[in-house]
Amino acid sequence: MNMKLHEAVEFFLDNWDLIPVLTTIKGDYAVPVKPKRDLYLVVEKNAPGIFLARLSPDLMRLKPLDEPSSDEARQYIYRRLKEANLVKETSFTQ
């Protein structure tokens, strides 16, 4: 089954406190939405991109963030998703 962007966003919101946040080589944020298939929700830091990508952690050299940095990253991701109108007002309250 293929996952759509809105499904990945809902997964991120539903698993807010549990989902790890990783960074790519470029410093973008990646959160696993289907880890067994290496499928990630990616939010670019220095560009407007928000997309799903298959990223092999070893090839992409994804690095996990520590907890304080993960919290900041989650807030940033949420803000970007909201700006892109990908978050329904009723779907999530922080």
PDB file of N, CA and C in Angstrom:
ATOM      1  N   MET A   1       0.833  -1.186   0.000  1.00  0.00           N
ATOM      2  CA  MET A   1       0.000   0.000   0.000  1.00  0.00           C
ATOM      3  C   MET A   1       0.880   1.253   0.000  1.00  0.00           C
ATOM      4  N   ASN A   2       0.615   2.163  -0.891  1.00  0.00           N
ATOM      5  CA  ASN A   2       1.353   3.416  -0.944  1.00  0.00           C
ATOM      6  C   ASN A   2       0.751   4.408   0.032  1.00  0.00           C
ATOM      7  N   MET A   3       1.598   5.150   0.682  1.00  0.00           N
ATOM      8  CA  MET A   3       1.142   6.158   1.631  1.00  0.00           C
ATOM      9  C   MET A   3       1.110   7.500   0.921  1.00  0.00           C
ATOM     10  N   LYS A   4       0.098   8.270   1.200  1.00  0.00           N
ATOM     11  CA  LYS A   4      -0.023   9.615   0.642  1.00  0.00           C
ATOM     12  C   LYS A   4       0.492  10.619   1.664  1.00  0.00           C
ATOM     13  N   LEU A   5       0.821  11.818   1.194  1.00  0.00           N
ATOM     14  CA  LEU A   5       1.389  12.838   2.057  1.00  0.00           C
ATOM     15  C   LEU A   5       0.481  13.141   3.252  1.00  0.00           C
ATOM     16  N   HIS A   6      -0.822  13.292   3.014  1.00  0.00           N
ATOM     17  CA  HIS A   6      -1.718  13.622   4.125  1.00  0.00           C
ATOM     18  C   HIS A   6      -1.755  12.492   5.155  1.00  0.00           C
ATOM     19  N   GLU A   7      -1.589  11.240   4.724  1.00  0.00           N
ATOM     20  CA  GLU A   7      -1.538  10.112   5.657  1.00  0.00           C
ATOM     21  C   GLU A   7      -0.257  10.157   6.491  1.00  0.00           C
ATOM     22  N   ALA A   8       0.842  10.538   5.860  1.00  0.00           N
ATOM     23  CA  ALA A   8       2.108  10.661   6.583  1.00  0.00           C
ATOM     24  C   ALA A   8       2.033  11.789   7.614  1.00  0.00           C
ATOM     25  N   VAL A   9       1.384  12.881   7.243  1.00  0.00           N
ATOM     26  CA  VAL A   9       1.212  14.001   8.185  1.00  0.00           C
ATOM     27  C   VAL A   9       0.372  13.543   9.372  1.00  0.00           C
ATOM     28  N   GLU A  10      -0.716  12.829   9.113  1.00  0.00           N
ATOM     29  CA  GLU A  10      -1.557  12.327  10.209  1.00  0.00           C
ATOM     30  C   GLU A  10      -0.781  11.364  11.096  1.00  0.00           C
ATOM     31  N   PHE A  11       0.047  10.514  10.495  1.00  0.00           N
ATOM     32  CA  PHE A  11       0.868   9.594  11.268  1.00  0.00           C
ATOM     33  C   PHE A  11       1.813  10.366  12.185  1.00  0.00           C
ATOM     34  N   PHE A  12       2.444  11.396  11.639  1.00  0.00           N
ATOM     35  CA  PHE A  12       3.342  12.240  12.437  1.00  0.00           C
ATOM     36  C   PHE A  12       2.584  12.866  13.603  1.00  0.00           C
ATOM     37  N   LEU A  13       1.421  13.430  13.347  1.00  0.00           N
ATOM     38  CA  LEU A  13       0.649  14.073  14.400  1.00  0.00           C
ATOM     39  C   LEU A  13       0.163  13.071  15.445  1.00  0.00           C
ATOM     40  N   ASP A  14      -0.260  11.899  15.003  1.00  0.00           N
ATOM     41  CA  ASP A  14      -0.748  10.877  15.928  1.00  0.00           C
ATOM     42  C   ASP A  14       0.353  10.302  16.808  1.00  0.00           C
ATOM     43  N   ASN A  15       1.583  10.342  16.322  1.00  0.00           N
ATOM     44  CA  ASN A  15       2.716   9.753  17.041  1.00  0.00           C
ATOM     45  C   ASN A  15       3.732  10.803  17.470  1.00  0.00           C
ATOM     46  N   TRP A  16       3.254  12.006  17.669  1.00  0.00           N
ATOM     47  CA  TRP A  16       4.080  13.179  17.985  1.00  0.00           C
ATOM     48  C   TRP A  16       5.179  12.891  19.006  1.00  0.00           C
ATOM     49  N   ASP A  17       4.817  12.311  20.143  1.00  0.00           N
ATOM     50  CA  ASP A  17       5.788  12.099  21.226  1.00  0.00           C
ATOM     51  C   ASP A  17       6.660  10.867  21.035  1.00  0.00           C
ATOM     52  N   LEU A  18       6.266   9.980  20.151  1.00  0.00           N
ATOM     53  CA  LEU A  18       6.978   8.717  19.998  1.00  0.00           C
ATOM     54  C   LEU A  18       7.913   8.685  18.805  1.00  0.00           C
ATOM     55  N   ILE A  19       7.582   9.448  17.793  1.00  0.00           N
ATOM     56  CA  ILE A  19       8.304   9.353  16.527  1.00  0.00           C
ATOM     57  C   ILE A  19       9.679  10.034  16.636  1.00  0.00           C
ATOM     58  N   PRO A  20      10.727   9.333  16.205  1.00  0.00           N
ATOM     59  CA  PRO A  20      12.048   9.966  16.244  1.00  0.00           C
ATOM     60  C   PRO A  20      12.200  10.974  15.103  1.00  0.00           C
ATOM     61  N   VAL A  21      13.034  11.951  15.318  1.00  0.00           N
ATOM     62  CA  VAL A  21      13.339  12.920  14.267  1.00  0.00           C
ATOM     63  C   VAL A  21      14.809  12.734  13.907  1.00  0.00           C
ATOM     64  N   LEU A  22      15.059  12.630  12.620  1.00  0.00           N
ATOM     65  CA  LEU A  22      16.425  12.465  12.129  1.00  0.00           C
ATOM     66  C   LEU A  22      16.774  13.635  11.227  1.00  0.00           C
ATOM     67  N   THR A  23      18.047  13.826  10.991  1.00  0.00           N
ATOM     68  CA  THR A  23      18.474  14.866  10.051  1.00  0.00           C
ATOM     69  C   THR A  23      19.222  14.212   8.892  1.00  0.00           C
ATOM     70  N   THR A  24      19.086  14.835   7.742  1.00  0.00           N
ATOM     71  CA  THR A  24      19.807  14.375   6.553  1.00  0.00           C
ATOM     72  C   THR A  24      21.150  15.097   6.500  1.00  0.00           C
ATOM     73  N   ILE A  25      21.935  14.741   5.543  1.00  0.00           N
ATOM     74  CA  ILE A  25      23.244  15.380   5.351  1.00  0.00           C
ATOM     75  C   ILE A  25      23.086  16.889   5.171  1.00  0.00           C
ATOM     76  N   LYS A  26      22.012  17.307   4.474  1.00  0.00           N
ATOM     77  CA  LYS A  26      21.767  18.732   4.224  1.00  0.00           C
ATOM     78  C   LYS A  26      21.166  19.454   5.432  1.00  0.00           C
ATOM     79  N   GLY A  27      20.817  18.701   6.492  1.00  0.00           N
ATOM     80  CA  GLY A  27      20.231  19.323   7.670  1.00  0.00           C
ATOM     81  C   GLY A  27      18.707  19.344   7.656  1.00  0.00           C
ATOM     82  N   ASP A  28      18.095  18.725   6.647  1.00  0.00           N
ATOM     83  CA  ASP A  28      16.634  18.641   6.604  1.00  0.00           C
ATOM     84  C   ASP A  28      16.155  17.633   7.642  1.00  0.00           C
ATOM     85  N   TYR A  29      14.900  17.752   8.034  1.00  0.00           N
ATOM     86  CA  TYR A  29      14.324  16.824   9.004  1.00  0.00           C
ATOM     87  C   TYR A  29      13.629  15.678   8.287  1.00  0.00           C
ATOM     88  N   ALA A  30      13.791  14.480   8.823  1.00  0.00           N
ATOM     89  CA  ALA A  30      13.136  13.292   8.285  1.00  0.00           C
ATOM     90  C   ALA A  30      12.540  12.513   9.451  1.00  0.00           C
ATOM     91  N   VAL A  31      11.253  12.165   9.328  1.00  0.00           N
ATOM     92  CA  VAL A  31      10.607  11.352  10.350  1.00  0.00           C
ATOM     93  C   VAL A  31      10.093  10.077   9.679  1.00  0.00           C
ATOM     94  N   PRO A  32      10.391   8.925  10.286  1.00  0.00           N
ATOM     95  CA  PRO A  32       9.957   7.669   9.671  1.00  0.00           C
ATOM     96  C   PRO A  32       8.452   7.494   9.777  1.00  0.00           C
ATOM     97  N   VAL A  33       7.811   7.225   8.649  1.00  0.00           N
ATOM     98  CA  VAL A  33       6.371   6.968   8.655  1.00  0.00           C
ATOM     99  C   VAL A  33       6.081   5.504   8.314  1.00  0.00           C
ATOM    100  N   LYS A  34       7.016   4.854   7.665  1.00  0.00           N
ATOM    101  CA  LYS A  34       6.972   3.406   7.432  1.00  0.00           C
ATOM    102  C   LYS A  34       8.417   2.912   7.481  1.00  0.00           C
ATOM    103  N   PRO A  35       8.940   2.737   8.702  1.00  0.00           N
ATOM    104  CA  PRO A  35      10.362   2.404   8.857  1.00  0.00           C
ATOM    105  C   PRO A  35      10.805   1.144   8.113  1.00  0.00           C
ATOM    106  N   LYS A  36       9.958   0.112   8.077  1.00  0.00           N
ATOM    107  CA  LYS A  36      10.360  -1.126   7.404  1.00  0.00           C
ATOM    108  C   LYS A  36      10.540  -0.940   5.909  1.00  0.00           C
ATOM    109  N   ARG A  37       9.937   0.096   5.373  1.00  0.00           N
ATOM    110  CA  ARG A  37      10.076   0.392   3.940  1.00  0.00           C
ATOM    111  C   ARG A  37      10.953   1.617   3.691  1.00  0.00           C
ATOM    112  N   ASP A  38      11.603   2.117   4.753  1.00  0.00           N
ATOM    113  CA  ASP A  38      12.472   3.299   4.651  1.00  0.00           C
ATOM    114  C   ASP A  38      11.739   4.505   4.079  1.00  0.00           C
ATOM    115  N   LEU A  39      10.460   4.657   4.449  1.00  0.00           N
ATOM    116  CA  LEU A  39       9.662   5.784   3.961  1.00  0.00           C
ATOM    117  C   LEU A  39       9.628   6.873   5.032  1.00  0.00           C
ATOM    118  N   TYR A  40      10.006   8.086   4.638  1.00  0.00           N
ATOM    119  CA  TYR A  40      10.124   9.204   5.560  1.00  0.00           C
ATOM    120  C   TYR A  40       9.339  10.409   5.081  1.00  0.00           C
ATOM    121  N   LEU A  41       8.798  11.144   6.036  1.00  0.00           N
ATOM    122  CA  LEU A  41       8.248  12.466   5.777  1.00  0.00           C
ATOM    123  C   LEU A  41       9.428  13.419   5.929  1.00  0.00           C
ATOM    124  N   VAL A  42       9.746  14.142   4.882  1.00  0.00           N
ATOM    125  CA  VAL A  42      10.912  15.030   4.882  1.00  0.00           C
ATOM    126  C   VAL A  42      10.434  16.477   4.815  1.00  0.00           C
ATOM    127  N   VAL A  43      10.992  17.297   5.702  1.00  0.00           N
ATOM    128  CA  VAL A  43      10.706  18.731   5.716  1.00  0.00           C
ATOM    129  C   VAL A  43      12.042  19.450   5.554  1.00  0.00           C
ATOM    130  N   GLU A  44      12.168  20.155   4.439  1.00  0.00           N
ATOM    131  CA  GLU A  44      13.421  20.857   4.167  1.00  0.00           C
ATOM    132  C   GLU A  44      13.584  22.054   5.099  1.00  0.00           C
ATOM    133  N   LYS A  45      14.808  22.286   5.521  1.00  0.00           N
ATOM    134  CA  LYS A  45      15.092  23.404   6.426  1.00  0.00           C
ATOM    135  C   LYS A  45      15.293  24.721   5.671  1.00  0.00           C
ATOM    136  N   ASN A  46      15.972  24.671   4.540  1.00  0.00           N
ATOM    137  CA  ASN A  46      16.315  25.895   3.813  1.00  0.00           C
ATOM    138  C   ASN A  46      15.597  26.001   2.481  1.00  0.00           C
ATOM    139  N   ALA A  47      14.485  25.311   2.368  1.00  0.00           N
ATOM    140  CA  ALA A  47      13.671  25.342   1.155  1.00  0.00           C
ATOM    141  C   ALA A  47      12.238  25.023   1.570  1.00  0.00           C
ATOM    142  N   PRO A  48      11.271  25.277   0.698  1.00  0.00           N
ATOM    143  CA  PRO A  48       9.870  25.082   1.086  1.00  0.00           C
ATOM    144  C   PRO A  48       9.362  23.642   0.966  1.00  0.00           C
ATOM    145  N   GLY A  49      10.230  22.695   0.617  1.00  0.00           N
ATOM    146  CA  GLY A  49       9.783  21.338   0.337  1.00  0.00           C
ATOM    147  C   GLY A  49       9.292  20.547   1.537  1.00  0.00           C
ATOM    148  N   ILE A  50       8.188  19.850   1.334  1.00  0.00           N
ATOM    149  CA  ILE A  50       7.638  18.871   2.267  1.00  0.00           C
ATOM    150  C   ILE A  50       7.226  17.697   1.387  1.00  0.00           C
ATOM    151  N   PHE A  51       7.830  16.534   1.616  1.00  0.00           N
ATOM    152  CA  PHE A  51       7.559  15.416   0.727  1.00  0.00           C
ATOM    153  C   PHE A  51       7.831  14.083   1.411  1.00  0.00           C
ATOM    154  N   LEU A  52       7.374  13.012   0.762  1.00  0.00           N
ATOM    155  CA  LEU A  52       7.671  11.648   1.188  1.00  0.00           C
ATOM    156  C   LEU A  52       8.838  11.147   0.357  1.00  0.00           C
ATOM    157  N   ALA A  53       9.752  10.418   1.010  1.00  0.00           N
ATOM    158  CA  ALA A  53      10.901   9.887   0.283  1.00  0.00           C
ATOM    159  C   ALA A  53      11.321   8.550   0.875  1.00  0.00           C
ATOM    160  N   ARG A  54      11.809   7.691   0.011  1.00  0.00           N
ATOM    161  CA  ARG A  54      12.419   6.449   0.474  1.00  0.00           C
ATOM    162  C   ARG A  54      13.901   6.752   0.694  1.00  0.00           C
ATOM    163  N   LEU A  55      14.319   6.652   1.946  1.00  0.00           N
ATOM    164  CA  LEU A  55      15.698   6.971   2.295  1.00  0.00           C
ATOM    165  C   LEU A  55      16.304   5.795   3.045  1.00  0.00           C
ATOM    166  N   SER A  56      17.332   5.229   2.499  1.00  0.00           N
ATOM    167  CA  SER A  56      18.047   4.186   3.213  1.00  0.00           C
ATOM    168  C   SER A  56      18.901   4.880   4.273  1.00  0.00           C
ATOM    169  N   PRO A  57      18.660   4.613   5.554  1.00  0.00           N
ATOM    170  CA  PRO A  57      19.390   5.326   6.618  1.00  0.00           C
ATOM    171  C   PRO A  57      20.901   5.247   6.468  1.00  0.00           C
ATOM    172  N   ASP A  58      21.414   4.100   6.046  1.00  0.00           N
ATOM    173  CA  ASP A  58      22.867   3.960   5.891  1.00  0.00           C
ATOM    174  C   ASP A  58      23.388   4.797   4.732  1.00  0.00           C
ATOM    175  N   LEU A  59      22.670   4.752   3.610  1.00  0.00           N
ATOM    176  CA  LEU A  59      23.097   5.531   2.446  1.00  0.00           C
ATOM    177  C   LEU A  59      22.964   7.028   2.682  1.00  0.00           C
ATOM    178  N   MET A  60      21.862   7.424   3.319  1.00  0.00           N
ATOM    179  CA  MET A  60      21.603   8.850   3.533  1.00  0.00           C
ATOM    180  C   MET A  60      22.324   9.382   4.763  1.00  0.00           C
ATOM    181  N   ARG A  61      22.900   8.501   5.548  1.00  0.00           N
ATOM    182  CA  ARG A  61      23.581   8.887   6.795  1.00  0.00           C
ATOM    183  C   ARG A  61      22.661   9.736   7.672  1.00  0.00           C
ATOM    184  N   LEU A  62      21.449   9.231   7.880  1.00  0.00           N
ATOM    185  CA  LEU A  62      20.495   9.919   8.750  1.00  0.00           C
ATOM    186  C   LEU A  62      20.985   9.844  10.183  1.00  0.00           C
ATOM    187  N   LYS A  63      20.885  10.970  10.874  1.00  0.00           N
ATOM    188  CA  LYS A  63      21.333  11.027  12.266  1.00  0.00           C
ATOM    189  C   LYS A  63      20.163  11.373  13.171  1.00  0.00           C
ATOM    190  N   PRO A  64      19.993  10.595  14.257  1.00  0.00           N
ATOM    191  CA  PRO A  64      18.917  10.927  15.202  1.00  0.00           C
ATOM    192  C   PRO A  64      19.288  12.157  16.025  1.00  0.00           C
ATOM    193  N   LEU A  65      18.286  12.937  16.363  1.00  0.00           N
ATOM    194  CA  LEU A  65      18.493  14.106  17.218  1.00  0.00           C
ATOM    195  C   LEU A  65      18.300  13.711  18.675  1.00  0.00           C
ATOM    196  N   ASP A  66      18.970  14.441  19.578  1.00  0.00           N
ATOM    197  CA  ASP A  66      18.715  14.213  21.001  1.00  0.00           C
ATOM    198  C   ASP A  66      17.337  14.765  21.334  1.00  0.00           C
ATOM    199  N   GLU A  67      16.834  14.478  22.530  1.00  0.00           N
ATOM    200  CA  GLU A  67      15.443  14.822  22.844  1.00  0.00           C
ATOM    201  C   GLU A  67      15.145  16.326  22.801  1.00  0.00           C
ATOM    202  N   PRO A  68      15.973  17.190  23.407  1.00  0.00           N
ATOM    203  CA  PRO A  68      15.649  18.633  23.287  1.00  0.00           C
ATOM    204  C   PRO A  68      15.621  19.108  21.832  1.00  0.00           C
ATOM    205  N   SER A  69      16.556  18.633  21.034  1.00  0.00           N
ATOM    206  CA  SER A  69      16.591  19.018  19.613  1.00  0.00           C
ATOM    207  C   SER A  69      15.407  18.422  18.859  1.00  0.00           C
ATOM    208  N   SER A  70      14.999  17.199  19.244  1.00  0.00           N
ATOM    209  CA  SER A  70      13.840  16.574  18.608  1.00  0.00           C
ATOM    210  C   SER A  70      12.573  17.368  18.879  1.00  0.00           C
ATOM    211  N   ASP A  71      12.426  17.858  20.099  1.00  0.00           N
ATOM    212  CA  ASP A  71      11.254  18.669  20.432  1.00  0.00           C
ATOM    213  C   ASP A  71      11.199  19.931  19.580  1.00  0.00           C
ATOM    214  N   GLU A  72      12.336  20.594  19.442  1.00  0.00           N
ATOM    215  CA  GLU A  72      12.399  21.795  18.602  1.00  0.00           C
ATOM    216  C   GLU A  72      12.081  21.445  17.147  1.00  0.00           C
ATOM    217  N   ALA A  73      12.613  20.324  16.680  1.00  0.00           N
ATOM    218  CA  ALA A  73      12.382  19.900  15.300  1.00  0.00           C
ATOM    219  C   ALA A  73      10.902  19.589  15.074  1.00  0.00           C
ATOM    220  N   ARG A  74      10.272  18.923  16.034  1.00  0.00           N
ATOM    221  CA  ARG A  74       8.838  18.621  15.903  1.00  0.00           C
ATOM    222  C   ARG A  74       8.018  19.903  15.808  1.00  0.00           C
ATOM    223  N   GLN A  75       8.363  20.882  16.618  1.00  0.00           N
ATOM    224  CA  GLN A  75       7.668  22.173  16.563  1.00  0.00           C
ATOM    225  C   GLN A  75       7.861  22.826  15.192  1.00  0.00           C
ATOM    226  N   TYR A  76       9.089  22.775  14.684  1.00  0.00           N
ATOM    227  CA  TYR A  76       9.383  23.346  13.372  1.00  0.00           C
ATOM    228  C   TYR A  76       8.590  22.620  12.286  1.00  0.00           C
ATOM    229  N   ILE A  77       8.600  21.283  12.325  1.00  0.00           N
ATOM    230  CA  ILE A  77       7.873  20.488  11.335  1.00  0.00           C
ATOM    231  C   ILE A  77       6.389  20.826  11.391  1.00  0.00           C
ATOM    232  N   TYR A  78       5.836  20.882  12.586  1.00  0.00           N
ATOM    233  CA  TYR A  78       4.418  21.202  12.748  1.00  0.00           C
ATOM    234  C   TYR A  78       4.096  22.572  12.148  1.00  0.00           C
ATOM    235  N   ARG A  79       4.938  23.554  12.450  1.00  0.00           N
ATOM    236  CA  ARG A  79       4.730  24.912  11.923  1.00  0.00           C
ATOM    237  C   ARG A  79       4.742  24.905  10.397  1.00  0.00           C
ATOM    238  N   ARG A  80       5.709  24.191   9.813  1.00  0.00           N
ATOM    239  CA  ARG A  80       5.802  24.124   8.346  1.00  0.00           C
ATOM    240  C   ARG A  80       4.590  23.409   7.737  1.00  0.00           C
ATOM    241  N   LEU A  81       4.154  22.332   8.378  1.00  0.00           N
ATOM    242  CA  LEU A  81       2.980  21.605   7.889  1.00  0.00           C
ATOM    243  C   LEU A  81       1.736  22.483   7.956  1.00  0.00           C
ATOM    244  N   LYS A  82       1.629  23.251   9.030  1.00  0.00           N
ATOM    245  CA  LYS A  82       0.483  24.150   9.190  1.00  0.00           C
ATOM    246  C   LYS A  82       0.517  25.255   8.127  1.00  0.00           C
ATOM    247  N   GLU A  83       1.696  25.834   7.890  1.00  0.00           N
ATOM    248  CA  GLU A  83       1.843  26.878   6.871  1.00  0.00           C
ATOM    249  C   GLU A  83       1.470  26.348   5.486  1.00  0.00           C
ATOM    250  N   ALA A  84       1.719  25.059   5.255  1.00  0.00           N
ATOM    251  CA  ALA A  84       1.414  24.447   3.963  1.00  0.00           C
ATOM    252  C   ALA A  84      -0.026  23.924   3.903  1.00  0.00           C
ATOM    253  N   ASN A  85      -0.820  24.257   4.924  1.00  0.00           N
ATOM    254  CA  ASN A  85      -2.224  23.824   5.013  1.00  0.00           C
ATOM    255  C   ASN A  85      -2.370  22.306   4.974  1.00  0.00           C
ATOM    256  N   LEU A  86      -1.429  21.608   5.597  1.00  0.00           N
ATOM    257  CA  LEU A  86      -1.485  20.155   5.667  1.00  0.00           C
ATOM    258  C   LEU A  86      -1.996  19.662   7.023  1.00  0.00           C
ATOM    259  N   VAL A  87      -2.240  20.603   7.951  1.00  0.00           N
ATOM    260  CA  VAL A  87      -2.749  20.258   9.274  1.00  0.00           C
ATOM    261  C   VAL A  87      -4.143  20.812   9.396  1.00  0.00           C
ATOM    262  N   LYS A  88      -5.087  19.918   9.698  1.00  0.00           N
ATOM    263  CA  LYS A  88      -6.451  20.376   9.955  1.00  0.00           C
ATOM    264  C   LYS A  88      -6.492  20.931  11.358  1.00  0.00           C
ATOM    265  N   GLU A  89      -7.197  22.012  11.550  1.00  0.00           N
ATOM    266  CA  GLU A  89      -7.271  22.663  12.865  1.00  0.00           C
ATOM    267  C   GLU A  89      -7.756  21.713  13.953  1.00  0.00           C
ATOM    268  N   THR A  90      -8.663  20.812  13.615  1.00  0.00           N
ATOM    269  CA  THR A  90      -9.228  19.923  14.621  1.00  0.00           C
ATOM    270  C   THR A  90      -8.416  18.641  14.819  1.00  0.00           C
ATOM    271  N   SER A  91      -7.407  18.412  13.964  1.00  0.00           N
ATOM    272  CA  SER A  91      -6.716  17.144  14.024  1.00  0.00           C
ATOM    273  C   SER A  91      -5.659  17.066  15.115  1.00  0.00           C
ATOM    274  N   PHE A  92      -5.205  18.190  15.629  1.00  0.00           N
ATOM    275  CA  PHE A  92      -4.084  18.130  16.562  1.00  0.00           C
ATOM    276  C   PHE A  92      -4.051  19.384  17.415  1.00  0.00           C
ATOM    277  N   THR A  93      -3.885  19.199  18.680  1.00  0.00           N
ATOM    278  CA  THR A  93      -3.680  20.337  19.569  1.00  0.00           C
ATOM    279  C   THR A  93      -2.437  20.069  20.384  1.00  0.00           C
ATOM    280  N   GLN A  94      -1.564  21.044  20.422  1.00  0.00           N
ATOM    281  CA  GLN A  94      -0.295  20.880  21.133  1.00  0.00           C
ATOM    282  C   GLN A  94      -0.490  21.185  22.597  1.00  0.00           C
TER     283      GLN A  94
END
